[in-house]
Every structure is written in structure tokens, then in C-alpha cells.
Amino acid sequence: MYFAYVLLRGHMLGDYLYPFIDVGTIGFPKAFINALGVLLGFLLVALLLLGVDRWAARRTM
């Protein structure tokens, strides 16, 4: 949802909030690839934190 908002806002105002999704400069394909990279980064961090949490829970038992 936020990605769609940022793209719409950038299109309407002509100013994108983040350079890695600036469609006017890098184009739509590269902007979507960059957004996918950010999403994958967040997912990897979330999985890492879940793993650390489960490891810590097992250590305290």
C-alpha cells in the first residue's frame, strides 16, 4: 500500500520521496525491482529476528 501511495504521490507532485523508486529518473522496471529488493530485505530481517527470538526462548527454558 505504501509503495502505491509513494508512486501516486510522486506522479502527482513530480517529486518522489526516495531516489531508488524515482520513476522519472530510473523508470518503472528498475523502481519495481528496487522496491522488491527493499521488501525482501525487510522479510529477511523479520525472519532473522524470529529465529533469534525462538533461539532465546529455548535457551531460557
PDB file of N, CA and C in Angstrom:
ATOM      1  N   MET A   1       0.819  -1.191   0.000  1.00  0.00           N
ATOM      2  CA  MET A   1       0.000   0.000   0.000  1.00  0.00           C
ATOM      3  C   MET A   1       0.871   1.267   0.000  1.00  0.00           C
ATOM      4  N   TYR A   2       1.890   1.275   0.833  1.00  0.00           N
ATOM      5  CA  TYR A   2       2.732   2.465   0.921  1.00  0.00           C
ATOM      6  C   TYR A   2       3.465   2.709  -0.389  1.00  0.00           C
ATOM      7  N   PHE A   3       3.915   1.645  -1.022  1.00  0.00           N
ATOM      8  CA  PHE A   3       4.611   1.785  -2.304  1.00  0.00           C
ATOM      9  C   PHE A   3       3.686   2.418  -3.340  1.00  0.00           C
ATOM     10  N   ALA A   4       2.440   1.966  -3.383  1.00  0.00           N
ATOM     11  CA  ALA A   4       1.473   2.550  -4.321  1.00  0.00           C
ATOM     12  C   ALA A   4       1.244   4.025  -4.001  1.00  0.00           C
ATOM     13  N   TYR A   5       1.139   4.355  -2.722  1.00  0.00           N
ATOM     14  CA  TYR A   5       0.963   5.755  -2.322  1.00  0.00           C
ATOM     15  C   TYR A   5       2.147   6.608  -2.764  1.00  0.00           C
ATOM     16  N   VAL A   6       3.356   6.113  -2.556  1.00  0.00           N
ATOM     17  CA  VAL A   6       4.557   6.877  -2.918  1.00  0.00           C
ATOM     18  C   VAL A   6       4.623   7.080  -4.427  1.00  0.00           C
ATOM     19  N   LEU A   7       4.276   6.047  -5.194  1.00  0.00           N
ATOM     20  CA  LEU A   7       4.268   6.194  -6.651  1.00  0.00           C
ATOM     21  C   LEU A   7       3.212   7.195  -7.103  1.00  0.00           C
ATOM     22  N   LEU A   8       2.028   7.118  -6.530  1.00  0.00           N
ATOM     23  CA  LEU A   8       0.959   8.054  -6.896  1.00  0.00           C
ATOM     24  C   LEU A   8       1.323   9.476  -6.497  1.00  0.00           C
ATOM     25  N   ARG A   9       1.846   9.643  -5.305  1.00  0.00           N
ATOM     26  CA  ARG A   9       2.253  10.972  -4.843  1.00  0.00           C
ATOM     27  C   ARG A   9       3.346  11.541  -5.739  1.00  0.00           C
ATOM     28  N   GLY A  10       4.321  10.719  -6.069  1.00  0.00           N
ATOM     29  CA  GLY A  10       5.402  11.165  -6.937  1.00  0.00           C
ATOM     30  C   GLY A  10       4.908  11.556  -8.310  1.00  0.00           C
ATOM     31  N   HIS A  11       3.964  10.780  -8.830  1.00  0.00           N
ATOM     32  CA  HIS A  11       3.402  11.090 -10.144  1.00  0.00           C
ATOM     33  C   HIS A  11       2.628  12.408 -10.112  1.00  0.00           C
ATOM     34  N   MET A  12       1.858  12.607  -9.057  1.00  0.00           N
ATOM     35  CA  MET A  12       1.019  13.809  -8.968  1.00  0.00           C
ATOM     36  C   MET A  12       1.848  15.061  -8.693  1.00  0.00           C
ATOM     37  N   LEU A  13       2.860  14.952  -7.849  1.00  0.00           N
ATOM     38  CA  LEU A  13       3.654  16.118  -7.465  1.00  0.00           C
ATOM     39  C   LEU A  13       4.935  16.262  -8.277  1.00  0.00           C
ATOM     40  N   GLY A  14       5.319  15.203  -8.972  1.00  0.00           N
ATOM     41  CA  GLY A  14       6.555  15.243  -9.742  1.00  0.00           C
ATOM     42  C   GLY A  14       7.803  15.146  -8.892  1.00  0.00           C
ATOM     43  N   ASP A  15       7.646  14.727  -7.642  1.00  0.00           N
ATOM     44  CA  ASP A  15       8.771  14.624  -6.711  1.00  0.00           C
ATOM     45  C   ASP A  15       8.623  13.328  -5.923  1.00  0.00           C
ATOM     46  N   TYR A  16       9.518  12.391  -6.161  1.00  0.00           N
ATOM     47  CA  TYR A  16       9.463  11.109  -5.469  1.00  0.00           C
ATOM     48  C   TYR A  16      10.242  11.208  -4.168  1.00  0.00           C
ATOM     49  N   LEU A  17       9.716  10.565  -3.132  1.00  0.00           N
ATOM     50  CA  LEU A  17      10.316  10.656  -1.801  1.00  0.00           C
ATOM     51  C   LEU A  17      11.669   9.953  -1.712  1.00  0.00           C
ATOM     52  N   TYR A  18      11.851   8.912  -2.493  1.00  0.00           N
ATOM     53  CA  TYR A  18      13.061   8.104  -2.397  1.00  0.00           C
ATOM     54  C   TYR A  18      13.705   7.982  -3.771  1.00  0.00           C
ATOM     55  N   PRO A  19      15.015   8.159  -3.862  1.00  0.00           N
ATOM     56  CA  PRO A  19      15.667   8.082  -5.174  1.00  0.00           C
ATOM     57  C   PRO A  19      15.634   6.681  -5.781  1.00  0.00           C
ATOM     58  N   PHE A  20      15.529   5.641  -4.969  1.00  0.00           N
ATOM     59  CA  PHE A  20      15.533   4.284  -5.519  1.00  0.00           C
ATOM     60  C   PHE A  20      14.200   3.890  -6.141  1.00  0.00           C
ATOM     61  N   ILE A  21      13.158   4.732  -6.005  1.00  0.00           N
ATOM     62  CA  ILE A  21      11.896   4.494  -6.710  1.00  0.00           C
ATOM     63  C   ILE A  21      11.469   5.725  -7.507  1.00  0.00           C
ATOM     64  N   ASP A  22      12.414   6.537  -7.885  1.00  0.00           N
ATOM     65  CA  ASP A  22      12.125   7.725  -8.700  1.00  0.00           C
ATOM     66  C   ASP A  22      11.889   7.285 -10.140  1.00  0.00           C
ATOM     67  N   VAL A  23      10.632   7.070 -10.471  1.00  0.00           N
ATOM     68  CA  VAL A  23      10.254   6.548 -11.778  1.00  0.00           C
ATOM     69  C   VAL A  23      10.693   7.485 -12.898  1.00  0.00           C
ATOM     70  N   GLY A  24      10.672   8.771 -12.653  1.00  0.00           N
ATOM     71  CA  GLY A  24      11.083   9.723 -13.669  1.00  0.00           C
ATOM     72  C   GLY A  24      12.542   9.591 -14.051  1.00  0.00           C
ATOM     73  N   THR A  25      13.364   9.155 -13.133  1.00  0.00           N
ATOM     74  CA  THR A  25      14.800   9.022 -13.379  1.00  0.00           C
ATOM     75  C   THR A  25      15.194   7.609 -13.807  1.00  0.00           C
ATOM     76  N   ILE A  26      14.689   6.606 -13.099  1.00  0.00           N
ATOM     77  CA  ILE A  26      15.155   5.235 -13.347  1.00  0.00           C
ATOM     78  C   ILE A  26      14.159   4.371 -14.108  1.00  0.00           C
ATOM     79  N   GLY A  27      12.917   4.804 -14.251  1.00  0.00           N
ATOM     80  CA  GLY A  27      11.905   4.029 -14.964  1.00  0.00           C
ATOM     81  C   GLY A  27      11.173   3.052 -14.059  1.00  0.00           C
ATOM     82  N   PHE A  28      10.015   2.587 -14.551  1.00  0.00           N
ATOM     83  CA  PHE A  28       9.184   1.684 -13.760  1.00  0.00           C
ATOM     84  C   PHE A  28       9.841   0.330 -13.482  1.00  0.00           C
ATOM     85  N   PRO A  29      10.439  -0.325 -14.474  1.00  0.00           N
ATOM     86  CA  PRO A  29      11.018  -1.648 -14.172  1.00  0.00           C
ATOM     87  C   PRO A  29      12.059  -1.606 -13.053  1.00  0.00           C
ATOM     88  N   LYS A  30      12.965  -0.658 -13.108  1.00  0.00           N
ATOM     89  CA  LYS A  30      14.008  -0.553 -12.076  1.00  0.00           C
ATOM     90  C   LYS A  30      13.402  -0.163 -10.724  1.00  0.00           C
ATOM     91  N   ALA A  31      12.384   0.697 -10.728  1.00  0.00           N
ATOM     92  CA  ALA A  31      11.731   1.094  -9.476  1.00  0.00           C
ATOM     93  C   ALA A  31      11.066  -0.111  -8.812  1.00  0.00           C
ATOM     94  N   PHE A  32      10.407  -0.965  -9.609  1.00  0.00           N
ATOM     95  CA  PHE A  32       9.772  -2.154  -9.043  1.00  0.00           C
ATOM     96  C   PHE A  32      10.814  -3.161  -8.553  1.00  0.00           C
ATOM     97  N   ILE A  33      11.909  -3.307  -9.270  1.00  0.00           N
ATOM     98  CA  ILE A  33      12.985  -4.194  -8.818  1.00  0.00           C
ATOM     99  C   ILE A  33      13.563  -3.683  -7.497  1.00  0.00           C
ATOM    100  N   ASN A  34      13.769  -2.385  -7.402  1.00  0.00           N
ATOM    101  CA  ASN A  34      14.293  -1.802  -6.161  1.00  0.00           C
ATOM    102  C   ASN A  34      13.314  -1.988  -5.006  1.00  0.00           C
ATOM    103  N   ALA A  35      12.020  -1.782  -5.266  1.00  0.00           N
ATOM    104  CA  ALA A  35      11.015  -1.964  -4.215  1.00  0.00           C
ATOM    105  C   ALA A  35      10.968  -3.426  -3.773  1.00  0.00           C
ATOM    106  N   LEU A  36      11.109  -4.343  -4.715  1.00  0.00           N
ATOM    107  CA  LEU A  36      11.138  -5.757  -4.371  1.00  0.00           C
ATOM    108  C   LEU A  36      12.363  -6.076  -3.512  1.00  0.00           C
ATOM    109  N   GLY A  37      13.479  -5.456  -3.817  1.00  0.00           N
ATOM    110  CA  GLY A  37      14.678  -5.642  -3.004  1.00  0.00           C
ATOM    111  C   GLY A  37      14.491  -5.155  -1.576  1.00  0.00           C
ATOM    112  N   VAL A  38      13.830  -4.015  -1.425  1.00  0.00           N
ATOM    113  CA  VAL A  38      13.549  -3.491  -0.079  1.00  0.00           C
ATOM    114  C   VAL A  38      12.620  -4.444   0.669  1.00  0.00           C
ATOM    115  N   LEU A  39      11.587  -4.936  -0.014  1.00  0.00           N
ATOM    116  CA  LEU A  39      10.661  -5.883   0.603  1.00  0.00           C
ATOM    117  C   LEU A  39      11.388  -7.148   1.048  1.00  0.00           C
ATOM    118  N   LEU A  40      12.232  -7.685   0.192  1.00  0.00           N
ATOM    119  CA  LEU A  40      12.991  -8.883   0.556  1.00  0.00           C
ATOM    120  C   LEU A  40      13.932  -8.617   1.733  1.00  0.00           C
ATOM    121  N   GLY A  41      14.514  -7.436   1.775  1.00  0.00           N
ATOM    122  CA  GLY A  41      15.364  -7.072   2.906  1.00  0.00           C
ATOM    123  C   GLY A  41      14.593  -7.060   4.216  1.00  0.00           C
ATOM    124  N   PHE A  42      13.398  -6.467   4.188  1.00  0.00           N
ATOM    125  CA  PHE A  42      12.565  -6.449   5.392  1.00  0.00           C
ATOM    126  C   PHE A  42      12.169  -7.868   5.804  1.00  0.00           C
ATOM    127  N   LEU A  43      11.831  -8.703   4.829  1.00  0.00           N
ATOM    128  CA  LEU A  43      11.456 -10.082   5.147  1.00  0.00           C
ATOM    129  C   LEU A  43      12.623 -10.856   5.755  1.00  0.00           C
ATOM    130  N   LEU A  44      13.811 -10.661   5.228  1.00  0.00           N
ATOM    131  CA  LEU A  44      14.983 -11.339   5.784  1.00  0.00           C
ATOM    132  C   LEU A  44      15.267 -10.897   7.217  1.00  0.00           C
ATOM    133  N   VAL A  45      15.143  -9.611   7.478  1.00  0.00           N
ATOM    134  CA  VAL A  45      15.348  -9.110   8.842  1.00  0.00           C
ATOM    135  C   VAL A  45      14.282  -9.684   9.774  1.00  0.00           C
ATOM    136  N   ALA A  46      13.030  -9.744   9.306  1.00  0.00           N
ATOM    137  CA  ALA A  46      11.951 -10.306  10.125  1.00  0.00           C
ATOM    138  C   ALA A  46      12.223 -11.773  10.443  1.00  0.00           C
ATOM    139  N   LEU A  47      12.648 -12.538   9.443  1.00  0.00           N
ATOM    140  CA  LEU A  47      12.958 -13.950   9.678  1.00  0.00           C
ATOM    141  C   LEU A  47      14.136 -14.110  10.631  1.00  0.00           C
ATOM    142  N   LEU A  48      15.128 -13.275  10.497  1.00  0.00           N
ATOM    143  CA  LEU A  48      16.275 -13.308  11.404  1.00  0.00           C
ATOM    144  C   LEU A  48      15.836 -13.025  12.841  1.00  0.00           C
ATOM    145  N   LEU A  49      14.996 -12.019  13.014  1.00  0.00           N
ATOM    146  CA  LEU A  49      14.519 -11.686  14.356  1.00  0.00           C
ATOM    147  C   LEU A  49      13.653 -12.799  14.939  1.00  0.00           C
ATOM    148  N   LEU A  50      12.836 -13.443  14.109  1.00  0.00           N
ATOM    149  CA  LEU A  50      12.054 -14.584  14.593  1.00  0.00           C
ATOM    150  C   LEU A  50      12.970 -15.723  15.033  1.00  0.00           C
ATOM    151  N   GLY A  51      14.000 -15.973  14.263  1.00  0.00           N
ATOM    152  CA  GLY A  51      14.951 -17.016  14.630  1.00  0.00           C
ATOM    153  C   GLY A  51      15.661 -16.716  15.932  1.00  0.00           C
ATOM    154  N   VAL A  52      16.092 -15.485  16.118  1.00  0.00           N
ATOM    155  CA  VAL A  52      16.754 -15.082  17.364  1.00  0.00           C
ATOM    156  C   VAL A  52      15.789 -15.210  18.535  1.00  0.00           C
ATOM    157  N   ASP A  53      14.541 -14.832  18.337  1.00  0.00           N
ATOM    158  CA  ASP A  53      13.546 -14.926  19.401  1.00  0.00           C
ATOM    159  C   ASP A  53      13.313 -16.381  19.801  1.00  0.00           C
ATOM    160  N   ARG A  54      13.180 -17.249  18.826  1.00  0.00           N
ATOM    161  CA  ARG A  54      12.969 -18.671  19.132  1.00  0.00           C
ATOM    162  C   ARG A  54      14.197 -19.279  19.801  1.00  0.00           C
ATOM    163  N   TRP A  55      15.382 -18.890  19.347  1.00  0.00           N
ATOM    164  CA  TRP A  55      16.608 -19.385  19.955  1.00  0.00           C
ATOM    165  C   TRP A  55      16.705 -18.923  21.409  1.00  0.00           C
ATOM    166  N   ALA A  56      16.389 -17.656  21.663  1.00  0.00           N
ATOM    167  CA  ALA A  56      16.458 -17.118  23.022  1.00  0.00           C
ATOM    168  C   ALA A  56      15.412 -17.769  23.921  1.00  0.00           C
ATOM    169  N   ALA A  57      14.244 -18.065  23.382  1.00  0.00           N
ATOM    170  CA  ALA A  57      13.197 -18.701  24.182  1.00  0.00           C
ATOM    171  C   ALA A  57      13.614 -20.111  24.586  1.00  0.00           C
ATOM    172  N   ARG A  58      14.278 -20.836  23.701  1.00  0.00           N
ATOM    173  CA  ARG A  58      14.740 -22.184  24.022  1.00  0.00           C
ATOM    174  C   ARG A  58      15.853 -22.170  25.055  1.00  0.00           C
ATOM    175  N   ARG A  59      16.685 -21.150  25.020  1.00  0.00           N
ATOM    176  CA  ARG A  59      17.812 -21.061  25.967  1.00  0.00           C
ATOM    177  C   ARG A  59      17.338 -20.792  27.386  1.00  0.00           C
ATOM    178  N   THR A  60      16.225 -20.106  27.563  1.00  0.00           N
ATOM    179  CA  THR A  60      15.772 -19.739  28.904  1.00  0.00           C
ATOM    180  C   THR A  60      14.958 -20.834  29.564  1.00  0.00           C
ATOM    181  N   MET A  61      14.594 -21.873  28.831  1.00  0.00           N
ATOM    182  CA  MET A  61      13.768 -22.934  29.421  1.00  0.00           C
ATOM    183  C   MET A  61      14.587 -23.930  30.147  1.00  0.00           C
TER     184      MET A  61
END
